[in-house]
Every structure is written in structure tokens, then in C-alpha cells.
C-alpha atoms as a PDB file:
ATOM      1  CA  UNK A   1      96.037-329.505  49.581  1.00  0.00           C
ATOM      2  CA  UNK A   2      98.461-332.414  49.067  1.00  0.00           C
ATOM      3  CA  UNK A   3      97.435-334.739  46.207  1.00  0.00           C
ATOM      4  CA  UNK A   4      96.820-338.336  47.346  1.00  0.00           C
ATOM      5  CA  UNK A   5      98.710-339.904  44.435  1.00  0.00           C
ATOM      6  CA  UNK A   6     101.834-338.488  42.808  1.00  0.00           C
ATOM      7  CA  UNK A   7     104.006-339.694  39.946  1.00  0.00           C
ATOM      8  CA  UNK A   8     107.500-338.198  39.976  1.00  0.00           C
ATOM      9  CA  UNK A   9     109.455-338.497  36.733  1.00  0.00           C
ATOM     10  CA  UNK A  10     113.153-337.933  36.126  1.00  0.00           C
ATOM     11  CA  UNK A  11     113.280-336.947  32.451  1.00  0.00           C
ATOM     12  CA  UNK A  12     116.404-337.504  30.356  1.00  0.00           C
ATOM     13  CA  UNK A  13     116.938-337.443  26.614  1.00  0.00           C
ATOM     14  CA  UNK A  14     116.196-341.161  26.209  1.00  0.00           C
ATOM     15  CA  UNK A  15     114.392-342.296  29.357  1.00  0.00           C
ATOM     16  CA  UNK A  16     111.597-341.522  31.804  1.00  0.00           C
ATOM     17  CA  UNK A  17     112.346-342.866  35.293  1.00  0.00           C
ATOM     18  CA  UNK A  18     109.133-343.050  37.304  1.00  0.00           C
ATOM     19  CA  UNK A  19     108.401-343.197  41.035  1.00  0.00           C
ATOM     20  CA  UNK A  20     104.822-343.413  42.326  1.00  0.00           C
ATOM     21  CA  UNK A  21     103.617-342.246  45.728  1.00  0.00           C
ATOM     22  CA  UNK A  22     102.389-343.546  48.056  1.00  0.00           C
ATOM     23  CA  UNK A  23     102.815-347.116  46.727  1.00  0.00           C
ATOM     24  CA  UNK A  24     106.520-346.814  45.801  1.00  0.00           C
ATOM     25  CA  UNK A  25     106.064-348.348  42.335  1.00  0.00           C
ATOM     26  CA  UNK A  26     109.079-347.746  40.051  1.00  0.00           C
ATOM     27  CA  UNK A  27     109.248-348.007  36.299  1.00  0.00           C
ATOM     28  CA  UNK A  28     111.452-346.943  33.389  1.00  0.00           C
ATOM     29  CA  UNK A  29     109.915-345.984  30.046  1.00  0.00           C
ATOM     30  CA  UNK A  30     111.453-344.624  26.839  1.00  0.00           C
ATOM     31  CA  UNK A  31     111.159-340.872  26.255  1.00  0.00           C
ATOM     32  CA  UNK A  32     109.187-341.513  23.063  1.00  0.00           C
ATOM     33  CA  UNK A  33     105.607-341.174  21.877  1.00  0.00           C
ATOM     34  CA  UNK A  34     104.894-344.729  23.109  1.00  0.00           C
ATOM     35  CA  UNK A  35     106.473-343.967  26.470  1.00  0.00           C
ATOM     36  CA  UNK A  36     104.412-340.791  26.801  1.00  0.00           C
ATOM     37  CA  UNK A  37     101.219-342.753  26.096  1.00  0.00           C
ATOM     38  CA  UNK A  38     102.168-345.256  28.793  1.00  0.00           C
ATOM     39  CA  UNK A  39     102.710-342.430  31.309  1.00  0.00           C
ATOM     40  CA  UNK A  40      99.295-340.991  30.432  1.00  0.00           C
ATOM     41  CA  UNK A  41      97.686-344.425  30.966  1.00  0.00           C
ATOM     42  CA  UNK A  42      99.515-344.882  34.275  1.00  0.00           C
ATOM     43  CA  UNK A  43      98.494-341.442  35.547  1.00  0.00           C
ATOM     44  CA  UNK A  44      94.867-341.843  34.494  1.00  0.00           C
ATOM     45  CA  UNK A  45      94.562-345.326  35.994  1.00  0.00           C
ATOM     46  CA  UNK A  46      95.842-344.020  39.335  1.00  0.00           C
ATOM     47  CA  UNK A  47      94.218-340.579  39.243  1.00  0.00           C
ATOM     48  CA  UNK A  48      97.675-339.182  39.957  1.00  0.00           C
ATOM     49  CA  UNK A  49      99.333-335.805  39.601  1.00  0.00           C
ATOM     50  CA  UNK A  50     102.475-336.019  37.440  1.00  0.00           C
ATOM     51  CA  UNK A  51     105.527-333.878  38.168  1.00  0.00           C
ATOM     52  CA  UNK A  52     109.043-333.474  36.775  1.00  0.00           C
ATOM     53  CA  UNK A  53     111.919-331.005  36.773  1.00  0.00           C
ATOM     54  CA  UNK A  54     112.473-328.335  34.157  1.00  0.00           C
ATOM     55  CA  UNK A  55     115.141-329.894  31.924  1.00  0.00           C
ATOM     56  CA  UNK A  56     115.533-327.312  29.181  1.00  0.00           C
ATOM     57  CA  UNK A  57     112.973-328.823  26.839  1.00  0.00           C
ATOM     58  CA  UNK A  58     113.331-332.622  27.139  1.00  0.00           C
ATOM     59  CA  UNK A  59     110.063-332.759  29.087  1.00  0.00           C
ATOM     60  CA  UNK A  60     107.918-330.661  26.740  1.00  0.00           C
ATOM     61  CA  UNK A  61     106.509-333.440  24.536  1.00  0.00           C
ATOM     62  CA  UNK A  62     105.595-335.527  27.559  1.00  0.00           C
ATOM     63  CA  UNK A  63     104.069-332.429  29.166  1.00  0.00           C
ATOM     64  CA  UNK A  64     101.970-331.722  26.061  1.00  0.00           C
ATOM     65  CA  UNK A  65     100.742-335.347  25.915  1.00  0.00           C
ATOM     66  CA  UNK A  66      99.703-335.249  29.575  1.00  0.00           C
ATOM     67  CA  UNK A  67      98.017-331.873  29.148  1.00  0.00           C
ATOM     68  CA  UNK A  68      96.087-333.113  26.101  1.00  0.00           C
ATOM     69  CA  UNK A  69      94.753-335.977  28.246  1.00  0.00           C
ATOM     70  CA  UNK A  70      93.750-333.534  31.042  1.00  0.00           C
ATOM     71  CA  UNK A  71      96.242-335.076  33.472  1.00  0.00           C
ATOM     72  CA  UNK A  72      97.220-332.613  36.207  1.00  0.00           C
ATOM     73  CA  UNK A  73     100.901-331.892  35.633  1.00  0.00           C
ATOM     74  CA  UNK A  74     103.549-329.675  37.230  1.00  0.00           C
ATOM     75  CA  UNK A  75     106.988-328.583  36.073  1.00  0.00           C
ATOM     76  CA  UNK A  76     109.215-328.043  39.123  1.00  0.00           C
ATOM     77  CA  UNK A  77     112.266-325.784  39.603  1.00  0.00           C
ATOM     78  CA  UNK A  78     115.476-327.882  39.829  1.00  0.00           C
ATOM     79  CA  UNK A  79     116.988-325.524  42.429  1.00  0.00           C
ATOM     80  CA  UNK A  80     114.111-326.169  44.839  1.00  0.00           C
ATOM     81  CA  UNK A  81     114.414-329.935  44.451  1.00  0.00           C
ATOM     82  CA  UNK A  82     118.176-329.716  44.998  1.00  0.00           C
ATOM     83  CA  UNK A  83     117.599-327.733  48.200  1.00  0.00           C
ATOM     84  CA  UNK A  84     114.974-330.273  49.304  1.00  0.00           C
ATOM     85  CA  UNK A  85     117.434-333.131  48.694  1.00  0.00           C
ATOM     86  CA  UNK A  86     120.058-331.358  50.806  1.00  0.00           C
ATOM     87  CA  UNK A  87     117.535-330.823  53.611  1.00  0.00           C
ATOM     88  CA  UNK A  88     116.760-334.562  53.560  1.00  0.00           C
ATOM     89  CA  UNK A  89     120.439-335.501  53.673  1.00  0.00           C
ATOM     90  CA  UNK A  90     120.283-337.171  50.255  1.00  0.00           C
ATOM     91  CA  UNK A  91     123.733-337.266  48.675  1.00  0.00           C
ATOM     92  CA  UNK A  92     123.477-340.156  46.218  1.00  0.00           C
ATOM     93  CA  UNK A  93     122.291-339.298  42.725  1.00  0.00           C
ATOM     94  CA  UNK A  94     120.733-341.735  40.284  1.00  0.00           C
ATOM     95  CA  UNK A  95     117.772-341.396  37.951  1.00  0.00           C
ATOM     96  CA  UNK A  96     115.657-343.583  40.258  1.00  0.00           C
ATOM     97  CA  UNK A  97     116.574-341.540  43.336  1.00  0.00           C
ATOM     98  CA  UNK A  98     115.884-338.308  41.436  1.00  0.00           C
ATOM     99  CA  UNK A  99     112.406-339.529  40.450  1.00  0.00           C
ATOM    100  CA  UNK A 100     111.614-340.354  44.075  1.00  0.00           C
ATOM    101  CA  UNK A 101     112.924-336.970  45.245  1.00  0.00           C
ATOM    102  CA  UNK A 102     110.749-335.189  42.695  1.00  0.00           C
ATOM    103  CA  UNK A 103     107.654-337.052  43.918  1.00  0.00           C
ATOM    104  CA  UNK A 104     108.494-336.456  47.583  1.00  0.00           C
ATOM    105  CA  UNK A 105     109.128-332.767  46.952  1.00  0.00           C
ATOM    106  CA  UNK A 106     105.716-332.450  45.276  1.00  0.00           C
ATOM    107  CA  UNK A 107     104.096-334.059  48.330  1.00  0.00           C
ATOM    108  CA  UNK A 108     106.022-331.656  50.586  1.00  0.00           C
ATOM    109  CA  UNK A 109     105.240-328.571  48.477  1.00  0.00           C
ATOM    110  CA  UNK A 110     101.895-329.186  46.710  1.00  0.00           C
ATOM    111  CA  UNK A 111     101.734-325.529  45.637  1.00  0.00           C
ATOM    112  CA  UNK A 112     105.096-325.648  43.825  1.00  0.00           C
ATOM    113  CA  UNK A 113     105.713-325.666  40.096  1.00  0.00           C
ATOM    114  CA  UNK A 114     103.794-324.416  37.115  1.00  0.00           C
ATOM    115  CA  UNK A 115     101.212-325.762  34.703  1.00  0.00           C
ATOM    116  CA  UNK A 116     101.747-326.025  30.958  1.00  0.00           C
ATOM    117  CA  UNK A 117     101.651-322.628  29.210  1.00  0.00           C
ATOM    118  CA  UNK A 118      99.307-322.294  26.243  1.00  0.00           C
ATOM    119  CA  UNK A 119     100.580-323.208  22.776  1.00  0.00           C
ATOM    120  CA  UNK A 120     101.407-319.667  21.623  1.00  0.00           C
ATOM    121  CA  UNK A 121     103.427-319.075  24.792  1.00  0.00           C
ATOM    122  CA  UNK A 122     105.292-322.358  24.256  1.00  0.00           C
ATOM    123  CA  UNK A 123     106.153-321.211  20.733  1.00  0.00           C
ATOM    124  CA  UNK A 124     107.369-317.859  22.056  1.00  0.00           C
ATOM    125  CA  UNK A 125     109.484-319.592  24.694  1.00  0.00           C
ATOM    126  CA  UNK A 126     111.098-321.832  22.071  1.00  0.00           C
ATOM    127  CA  UNK A 127     111.883-318.841  19.838  1.00  0.00           C
ATOM    128  CA  UNK A 128     113.272-316.770  22.711  1.00  0.00           C
ATOM    129  CA  UNK A 129     115.372-319.704  23.916  1.00  0.00           C
ATOM    130  CA  UNK A 130     116.824-320.324  20.447  1.00  0.00           C
ATOM    131  CA  UNK A 131     117.625-316.633  20.034  1.00  0.00           C
ATOM    132  CA  UNK A 132     119.450-316.705  23.373  1.00  0.00           C
ATOM    133  CA  UNK A 133     121.478-319.730  22.269  1.00  0.00           C
ATOM    134  CA  UNK A 134     122.502-318.035  19.017  1.00  0.00           C
ATOM    135  CA  UNK A 135     123.448-314.829  20.840  1.00  0.00           C
ATOM    136  CA  UNK A 136     125.707-316.884  23.126  1.00  0.00           C
ATOM    137  CA  UNK A 137     127.231-318.593  20.077  1.00  0.00           C
ATOM    138  CA  UNK A 138     127.909-315.198  18.514  1.00  0.00           C
ATOM    139  CA  UNK A 139     129.573-313.988  21.723  1.00  0.00           C
ATOM    140  CA  UNK A 140     131.889-317.003  21.693  1.00  0.00           C
ATOM    141  CA  UNK A 141     132.699-316.379  18.034  1.00  0.00           C
ATOM    142  CA  UNK A 142     133.560-312.733  18.732  1.00  0.00           C
ATOM    143  CA  UNK A 143     135.811-313.860  21.592  1.00  0.00           C
ATOM    144  CA  UNK A 144     137.566-316.254  19.205  1.00  0.00           C
ATOM    145  CA  UNK A 145     138.040-313.471  16.647  1.00  0.00           C
ATOM    146  CA  UNK A 146     139.583-311.307  19.368  1.00  0.00           C
ATOM    147  CA  UNK A 147     141.904-314.178  20.328  1.00  0.00           C
ATOM    148  CA  UNK A 148     142.932-314.624  16.679  1.00  0.00           C
ATOM    149  CA  UNK A 149     143.889-310.952  16.545  1.00  0.00           C
ATOM    150  CA  UNK A 150     146.097-311.325  19.623  1.00  0.00           C
ATOM    151  CA  UNK A 151     147.767-314.421  18.192  1.00  0.00           C
ATOM    152  CA  UNK A 152     148.298-312.813  14.807  1.00  0.00           C
ATOM    153  CA  UNK A 153     146.198-315.448  13.042  1.00  0.00           C
ATOM    154  CA  UNK A 154     143.179-313.262  12.231  1.00  0.00           C
ATOM    155  CA  UNK A 155     143.858-313.254   8.474  1.00  0.00           C
ATOM    156  CA  UNK A 156     143.838-317.054   8.310  1.00  0.00           C
ATOM    157  CA  UNK A 157     140.285-317.255   9.661  1.00  0.00           C
ATOM    158  CA  UNK A 158     138.967-313.879   8.486  1.00  0.00           C
ATOM    159  CA  UNK A 159     136.693-315.201   5.727  1.00  0.00           C
ATOM    160  CA  UNK A 160     135.349-318.084   7.815  1.00  0.00           C
ATOM    161  CA  UNK A 161     134.722-315.887  10.849  1.00  0.00           C
ATOM    162  CA  UNK A 162     133.042-313.189   8.761  1.00  0.00           C
ATOM    163  CA  UNK A 163     130.786-315.756   7.098  1.00  0.00           C
ATOM    164  CA  UNK A 164     129.841-317.339  10.426  1.00  0.00           C
ATOM    165  CA  UNK A 165     129.104-313.973  12.023  1.00  0.00           C
ATOM    166  CA  UNK A 166     126.984-312.910   9.063  1.00  0.00           C
ATOM    167  CA  UNK A 167     125.013-316.171   9.255  1.00  0.00           C
ATOM    168  CA  UNK A 168     124.421-315.773  12.984  1.00  0.00           C
ATOM    169  CA  UNK A 169     123.364-312.139  12.539  1.00  0.00           C
ATOM    170  CA  UNK A 170     120.805-313.158   9.907  1.00  0.00           C
ATOM    171  CA  UNK A 171     119.457-316.036  11.984  1.00  0.00           C
ATOM    172  CA  UNK A 172     119.114-313.862  15.091  1.00  0.00           C
ATOM    173  CA  UNK A 173     117.307-311.177  13.089  1.00  0.00           C
ATOM    174  CA  UNK A 174     114.965-313.786  11.588  1.00  0.00           C
ATOM    175  CA  UNK A 175     114.148-315.139  15.053  1.00  0.00           C
ATOM    176  CA  UNK A 176     113.459-311.619  16.322  1.00  0.00           C
ATOM    177  CA  UNK A 177     110.934-311.171  13.506  1.00  0.00           C
ATOM    178  CA  UNK A 178     109.274-314.476  14.461  1.00  0.00           C
ATOM    179  CA  UNK A 179     109.196-313.424  18.124  1.00  0.00           C
ATOM    180  CA  UNK A 180     107.504-310.129  17.271  1.00  0.00           C
ATOM    181  CA  UNK A 181     104.982-311.958  15.065  1.00  0.00           C
ATOM    182  CA  UNK A 182     104.156-314.442  17.838  1.00  0.00           C
ATOM    183  CA  UNK A 183     103.541-311.570  20.256  1.00  0.00           C
ATOM    184  CA  UNK A 184     101.581-309.420  17.808  1.00  0.00           C
ATOM    185  CA  UNK A 185      99.199-312.229  16.836  1.00  0.00           C
ATOM    186  CA  UNK A 186      98.071-312.994  20.408  1.00  0.00           C
ATOM    187  CA  UNK A 187      96.003-310.401  22.267  1.00  0.00           C
ATOM    188  CA  UNK A 188      97.236-311.301  25.768  1.00  0.00           C
ATOM    189  CA  UNK A 189     100.914-311.446  24.762  1.00  0.00           C
ATOM    190  CA  UNK A 190     100.599-308.185  22.836  1.00  0.00           C
ATOM    191  CA  UNK A 191      99.015-306.408  25.810  1.00  0.00           C
ATOM    192  CA  UNK A 192     101.715-307.676  28.183  1.00  0.00           C
ATOM    193  CA  UNK A 193     104.471-306.624  25.759  1.00  0.00           C
ATOM    194  CA  UNK A 194     102.998-303.120  25.394  1.00  0.00           C
ATOM    195  CA  UNK A 195     102.866-302.715  29.170  1.00  0.00           C
ATOM    196  CA  UNK A 196     106.408-303.996  29.706  1.00  0.00           C
ATOM    197  CA  UNK A 197     107.916-301.931  26.897  1.00  0.00           C
ATOM    198  CA  UNK A 198     106.451-298.772  28.404  1.00  0.00           C
ATOM    199  CA  UNK A 199     109.024-299.125  31.215  1.00  0.00           C
ATOM    200  CA  UNK A 200     112.277-297.258  30.421  1.00  0.00           C
ATOM    201  CA  UNK A 201     114.914-299.986  30.387  1.00  0.00           C
ATOM    202  CA  UNK A 202     112.696-302.827  29.176  1.00  0.00           C
ATOM    203  CA  UNK A 203     112.965-303.211  25.415  1.00  0.00           C
ATOM    204  CA  UNK A 204     111.883-305.922  22.962  1.00  0.00           C
ATOM    205  CA  UNK A 205     114.436-308.502  24.149  1.00  0.00           C
ATOM    206  CA  UNK A 206     113.736-308.097  27.881  1.00  0.00           C
ATOM    207  CA  UNK A 207     109.953-307.930  27.412  1.00  0.00           C
ATOM    208  CA  UNK A 208     109.802-311.079  25.272  1.00  0.00           C
ATOM    209  CA  UNK A 209     112.080-312.889  27.736  1.00  0.00           C
ATOM    210  CA  UNK A 210     109.903-311.853  30.702  1.00  0.00           C
ATOM    211  CA  UNK A 211     106.735-313.029  28.951  1.00  0.00           C
ATOM    212  CA  UNK A 212     108.265-316.318  27.780  1.00  0.00           C
ATOM    213  CA  UNK A 213     110.259-317.283  30.864  1.00  0.00           C
ATOM    214  CA  UNK A 214     107.901-315.934  33.534  1.00  0.00           C
ATOM    215  CA  UNK A 215     104.314-316.674  32.460  1.00  0.00           C
ATOM    216  CA  UNK A 216     103.373-316.206  36.138  1.00  0.00           C
ATOM    217  CA  UNK A 217     104.126-312.468  35.782  1.00  0.00           C
ATOM    218  CA  UNK A 218     101.286-310.419  37.226  1.00  0.00           C
ATOM    219  CA  UNK A 219     100.159-313.228  39.537  1.00  0.00           C
ATOM    220  CA  UNK A 220     103.055-313.172  42.026  1.00  0.00           C
ATOM    221  CA  UNK A 221     104.061-311.257  45.158  1.00  0.00           C
ATOM    222  CA  UNK A 222     106.979-308.935  44.324  1.00  0.00           C
ATOM    223  CA  UNK A 223     109.529-310.943  46.292  1.00  0.00           C
ATOM    224  CA  UNK A 224     108.519-314.206  44.639  1.00  0.00           C
ATOM    225  CA  UNK A 225     108.843-312.643  41.176  1.00  0.00           C
ATOM    226  CA  UNK A 226     112.419-311.618  42.004  1.00  0.00           C
ATOM    227  CA  UNK A 227     113.186-315.114  43.315  1.00  0.00           C
ATOM    228  CA  UNK A 228     111.907-316.778  40.130  1.00  0.00           C
ATOM    229  CA  UNK A 229     114.187-314.498  38.141  1.00  0.00           C
ATOM    230  CA  UNK A 230     117.116-315.503  40.365  1.00  0.00           C
ATOM    231  CA  UNK A 231     117.472-311.952  41.704  1.00  0.00           C
ATOM    232  CA  UNK A 232     116.430-312.379  45.342  1.00  0.00           C
ATOM    233  CA  UNK A 233     119.300-312.220  47.866  1.00  0.00           C
ATOM    234  CA  UNK A 234     119.858-315.489  49.721  1.00  0.00           C
ATOM    235  CA  UNK A 235     121.080-315.350  53.318  1.00  0.00           C
ATOM    236  CA  UNK A 236     124.027-317.420  54.554  1.00  0.00           C
ATOM    237  CA  UNK A 237     123.753-316.942  58.327  1.00  0.00           C
ATOM    238  CA  UNK A 238     124.607-319.279  61.173  1.00  0.00           C
ATOM    239  CA  UNK A 239     124.366-318.388  64.854  1.00  0.00           C
ATOM    240  CA  UNK A 240     126.000-315.021  65.415  1.00  0.00           C
ATOM    241  CA  UNK A 241     127.730-315.127  62.031  1.00  0.00           C
ATOM    242  CA  UNK A 242     126.126-313.070  59.282  1.00  0.00           C
ATOM    243  CA  UNK A 243     127.210-314.319  55.877  1.00  0.00           C
ATOM    244  CA  UNK A 244     127.368-312.418  52.624  1.00  0.00           C
ATOM    245  CA  UNK A 245     124.090-312.257  50.690  1.00  0.00           C
ATOM    246  CA  UNK A 246     124.164-313.616  47.163  1.00  0.00           C
ATOM    247  CA  UNK A 247     121.760-314.366  44.342  1.00  0.00           C
ATOM    248  CA  UNK A 248     121.338-317.899  43.036  1.00  0.00           C
ATOM    249  CA  UNK A 249     118.927-320.209  41.257  1.00  0.00           C
ATOM    250  CA  UNK A 250     115.967-318.884  39.329  1.00  0.00           C
ATOM    251  CA  UNK A 251     115.761-318.760  35.562  1.00  0.00           C
ATOM    252  CA  UNK A 252     119.291-318.140  34.312  1.00  0.00           C
ATOM    253  CA  UNK A 253     118.512-316.749  30.848  1.00  0.00           C
ATOM    254  CA  UNK A 254     115.967-314.344  32.304  1.00  0.00           C
ATOM    255  CA  UNK A 255     118.389-313.206  35.001  1.00  0.00           C
ATOM    256  CA  UNK A 256     121.078-312.444  32.427  1.00  0.00           C
ATOM    257  CA  UNK A 257     118.704-310.401  30.250  1.00  0.00           C
ATOM    258  CA  UNK A 258     117.387-308.479  33.270  1.00  0.00           C
ATOM    259  CA  UNK A 259     120.954-307.524  34.191  1.00  0.00           C
ATOM    260  CA  UNK A 260     121.315-305.981  30.734  1.00  0.00           C
ATOM    261  CA  UNK A 261     117.972-304.201  31.128  1.00  0.00           C
ATOM    262  CA  UNK A 262     119.058-302.918  34.548  1.00  0.00           C
ATOM    263  CA  UNK A 263     122.202-301.371  33.059  1.00  0.00           C
ATOM    264  CA  UNK A 264     119.997-299.366  30.683  1.00  0.00           C
ATOM    265  CA  UNK A 265     117.384-298.537  33.334  1.00  0.00           C
ATOM    266  CA  UNK A 266     120.002-297.257  35.787  1.00  0.00           C
ATOM    267  CA  UNK A 267     120.849-294.523  33.266  1.00  0.00           C
ATOM    268  CA  UNK A 268     117.562-293.848  31.451  1.00  0.00           C
ATOM    269  CA  UNK A 269     114.720-294.676  33.853  1.00  0.00           C
ATOM    270  CA  UNK A 270     114.296-291.582  36.081  1.00  0.00           C
ATOM    271  CA  UNK A 271     113.061-293.550  39.088  1.00  0.00           C
ATOM    272  CA  UNK A 272     115.665-296.308  38.873  1.00  0.00           C
ATOM    273  CA  UNK A 273     118.435-293.848  38.009  1.00  0.00           C
ATOM    274  CA  UNK A 274     117.744-292.026  41.285  1.00  0.00           C
ATOM    275  CA  UNK A 275     117.602-295.367  43.091  1.00  0.00           C
ATOM    276  CA  UNK A 276     120.957-296.443  41.612  1.00  0.00           C
ATOM    277  CA  UNK A 277     122.572-293.099  42.461  1.00  0.00           C
ATOM    278  CA  UNK A 278     121.389-293.415  46.062  1.00  0.00           C
ATOM    279  CA  UNK A 279     122.994-296.850  46.339  1.00  0.00           C
ATOM    280  CA  UNK A 280     126.157-295.561  44.697  1.00  0.00           C
ATOM    281  CA  UNK A 281     126.342-292.692  47.205  1.00  0.00           C
ATOM    282  CA  UNK A 282     126.029-295.246  49.995  1.00  0.00           C
ATOM    283  CA  UNK A 283     129.180-296.932  48.680  1.00  0.00           C
ATOM    284  CA  UNK A 284     127.542-300.047  47.261  1.00  0.00           C
ATOM    285  CA  UNK A 285     129.571-302.008  44.656  1.00  0.00           C
ATOM    286  CA  UNK A 286     128.502-301.781  41.004  1.00  0.00           C
ATOM    287  CA  UNK A 287     127.280-305.389  40.838  1.00  0.00           C
ATOM    288  CA  UNK A 288     125.154-304.936  43.956  1.00  0.00           C
ATOM    289  CA  UNK A 289     123.602-301.799  42.456  1.00  0.00           C
ATOM    290  CA  UNK A 290     122.760-303.446  39.124  1.00  0.00           C
ATOM    291  CA  UNK A 291     121.323-306.495  40.895  1.00  0.00           C
ATOM    292  CA  UNK A 292     119.130-304.255  43.052  1.00  0.00           C
ATOM    293  CA  UNK A 293     117.955-302.318  39.984  1.00  0.00           C
ATOM    294  CA  UNK A 294     117.184-305.568  38.141  1.00  0.00           C
ATOM    295  CA  UNK A 295     115.234-306.825  41.152  1.00  0.00           C
ATOM    296  CA  UNK A 296     113.225-303.594  41.299  1.00  0.00           C
ATOM    297  CA  UNK A 297     112.660-303.729  37.533  1.00  0.00           C
ATOM    298  CA  UNK A 298     111.118-307.213  37.816  1.00  0.00           C
ATOM    299  CA  UNK A 299     108.924-306.042  40.717  1.00  0.00           C
ATOM    300  CA  UNK A 300     107.708-303.059  38.657  1.00  0.00           C
ATOM    301  CA  UNK A 301     107.019-305.303  35.655  1.00  0.00           C
ATOM    302  CA  UNK A 302     105.050-307.726  37.828  1.00  0.00           C
ATOM    303  CA  UNK A 303     102.973-304.917  39.386  1.00  0.00           C
ATOM    304  CA  UNK A 304     102.192-303.285  36.037  1.00  0.00           C
ATOM    305  CA  UNK A 305     101.096-306.516  34.353  1.00  0.00           C
ATOM    306  CA  UNK A 306      98.946-307.317  37.389  1.00  0.00           C
ATOM    307  CA  UNK A 307      97.294-303.874  37.220  1.00  0.00           C
ATOM    308  CA  UNK A 308      97.168-303.955  33.396  1.00  0.00           C
ATOM    309  CA  UNK A 309      98.561-300.435  33.221  1.00  0.00           C
ATOM    310  CA  UNK A 310     101.570-298.840  31.561  1.00  0.00           C
ATOM    311  CA  UNK A 311     104.515-297.372  33.397  1.00  0.00           C
ATOM    312  CA  UNK A 312     104.565-294.000  35.084  1.00  0.00           C
ATOM    313  CA  UNK A 313     107.141-292.611  37.560  1.00  0.00           C
ATOM    314  CA  UNK A 314     104.589-293.130  40.344  1.00  0.00           C
ATOM    315  CA  UNK A 315     104.622-296.939  39.882  1.00  0.00           C
ATOM    316  CA  UNK A 316     107.674-298.102  41.829  1.00  0.00           C
END
């Protein structure tokens, strides 16, 4: 059912650009505690649903303030709004236009988006996200060290690079301890982690990422779970022309981790190993095989969490 009143917000680091439907009211507020209070007042006075894009964390304080006031709120996938804009022929891009697009998309797709996860899940998501950032930083550092070796300048930076790597290693380990503590101290998260880690190929990193980045796990059709992870093939067909299928969108960090899990599963999970070998025998490229395994891995994870049962070779 489409909500009668919608407030679309384009969230940036400093500002909240607002567009109200159906009246068309526009407003700009600071992305501060005062601004959040004003949004709450506006939403409550209008009885409106509030929606905004996922921005990587800039919307979380606003989201928490709205949730605390019992204002119905949705976080929307940027890829879906981008596709909606393209379908409407919208090419211009400003904060005001983005806010209107967000509101119009919510009216078009009232079932879209997700509600605010509970506090423990928000903590887990923050920890998992920070760990991912530090892992990426460490990868870049290792690439720089390799480049120094090629250039013959490794000795110049050896002490600095070693110190930086050691610091990153310690910080990543500390975050992993915090992640495990967050999971262990919540019954629902602990149960989900135990189920996921029973699947050969899904270890601590992949399980915590699945729980943090896909709180809808266990409540989705298999195909939708794969799409949220950015693993569903997207068609590019027109008339008689059949384009090449490709994956796109979804939750990037989750997709990357599931690729790593799929590499392990294709060798150590008996069901997925057979599946991968069948694709390999059919002449499929390596990337296509790993993507298919990752997609199947997410579908298995979703089914197991839904059934609240651990993995067995019969669950495929």
C-alpha cells in the first residue's frame, strides 16, 4: 500500500535536502542533531514516511533519531533509485532533484528499502565495515611494498612499511575480537552465525558480513537474496539481440567477501565442488563459475537461516 505522505531526503555530510509528497514542499536542513530534530517534527506533523538512500553511514544518526520517535523510515538502495531515474528520463543531478527522486521512487515502490536494524546489529555492521576498510588499506600497503621492491627502493621504506603493516594487523585482529564478542553476546546473531558457519566455505568473515550487511537473510526469496548481494545476472537484451549477462549493484562489500567464500567452497564444499566442476566441464569461464557458486552459497545461507537449521549436503 502506497503511503499518502512521503518525505524524501538526500543526505550528504553537511546537509539534508528534503522533498515532500504530495505537496512538493522543499527544505534544506543541516545534518546535525538540530536538523534531525526538525526532520522528526516535520515527519510527525505530516504523518509522513521518511526515506533516503544508503550513503555509507551519513544517514545513520538521522535514522536513529527518526526510529526513536517511531517515525516510519526506509533506507533505499542507490542502484534502484538510479535505475528509476533512468526510466524517468532524469539526467540532471542536484541534491534537490535527488530528494524528489527518492520520494517519487518510494511512492512507486512502497515495498522497497529496509527498516532500521536493532542496535546490536548496527554495532556489528559498523565493526564489519571498519574491518573491511582496514583490510583494503592493508592490501594497498602490500601493493606499495611490492612496487618498492620493483623500483629498488624497498630498503628506504622498510621500517615504515613494516610498522604500518604491524599496526594494521593489530587493529584488524582487535576488530575481529570485537565482532566475535558482538555476535556471541546476542542470541539471534549467535544462532545465525552458528548456522552460517556450518556451511563449508562460510567462515567467520563471510558469516559476520552476511549477518551485518544482509539483515533480511532468511526472509527473502532465493533470487532476491542473490540480487541484494549483487550476484544476480542482469540481462542486456533488445529485440532479437541477446546481450551478455553481468552482475551489478547490490552490496559491494558483501559481494566481494562472497567471492572469496565461493573460492573456498568450490574446493571444500562437496555439493558446490561438484557444481563448480560441472560448470567447468561445460566450458564456463572461471569468473562465471565463481559467481555462480557465490550466488548458490547466498541462496543456501538464506534457506538455512529461514529454516533455522545447519548445513547438510541435502540442503542445496
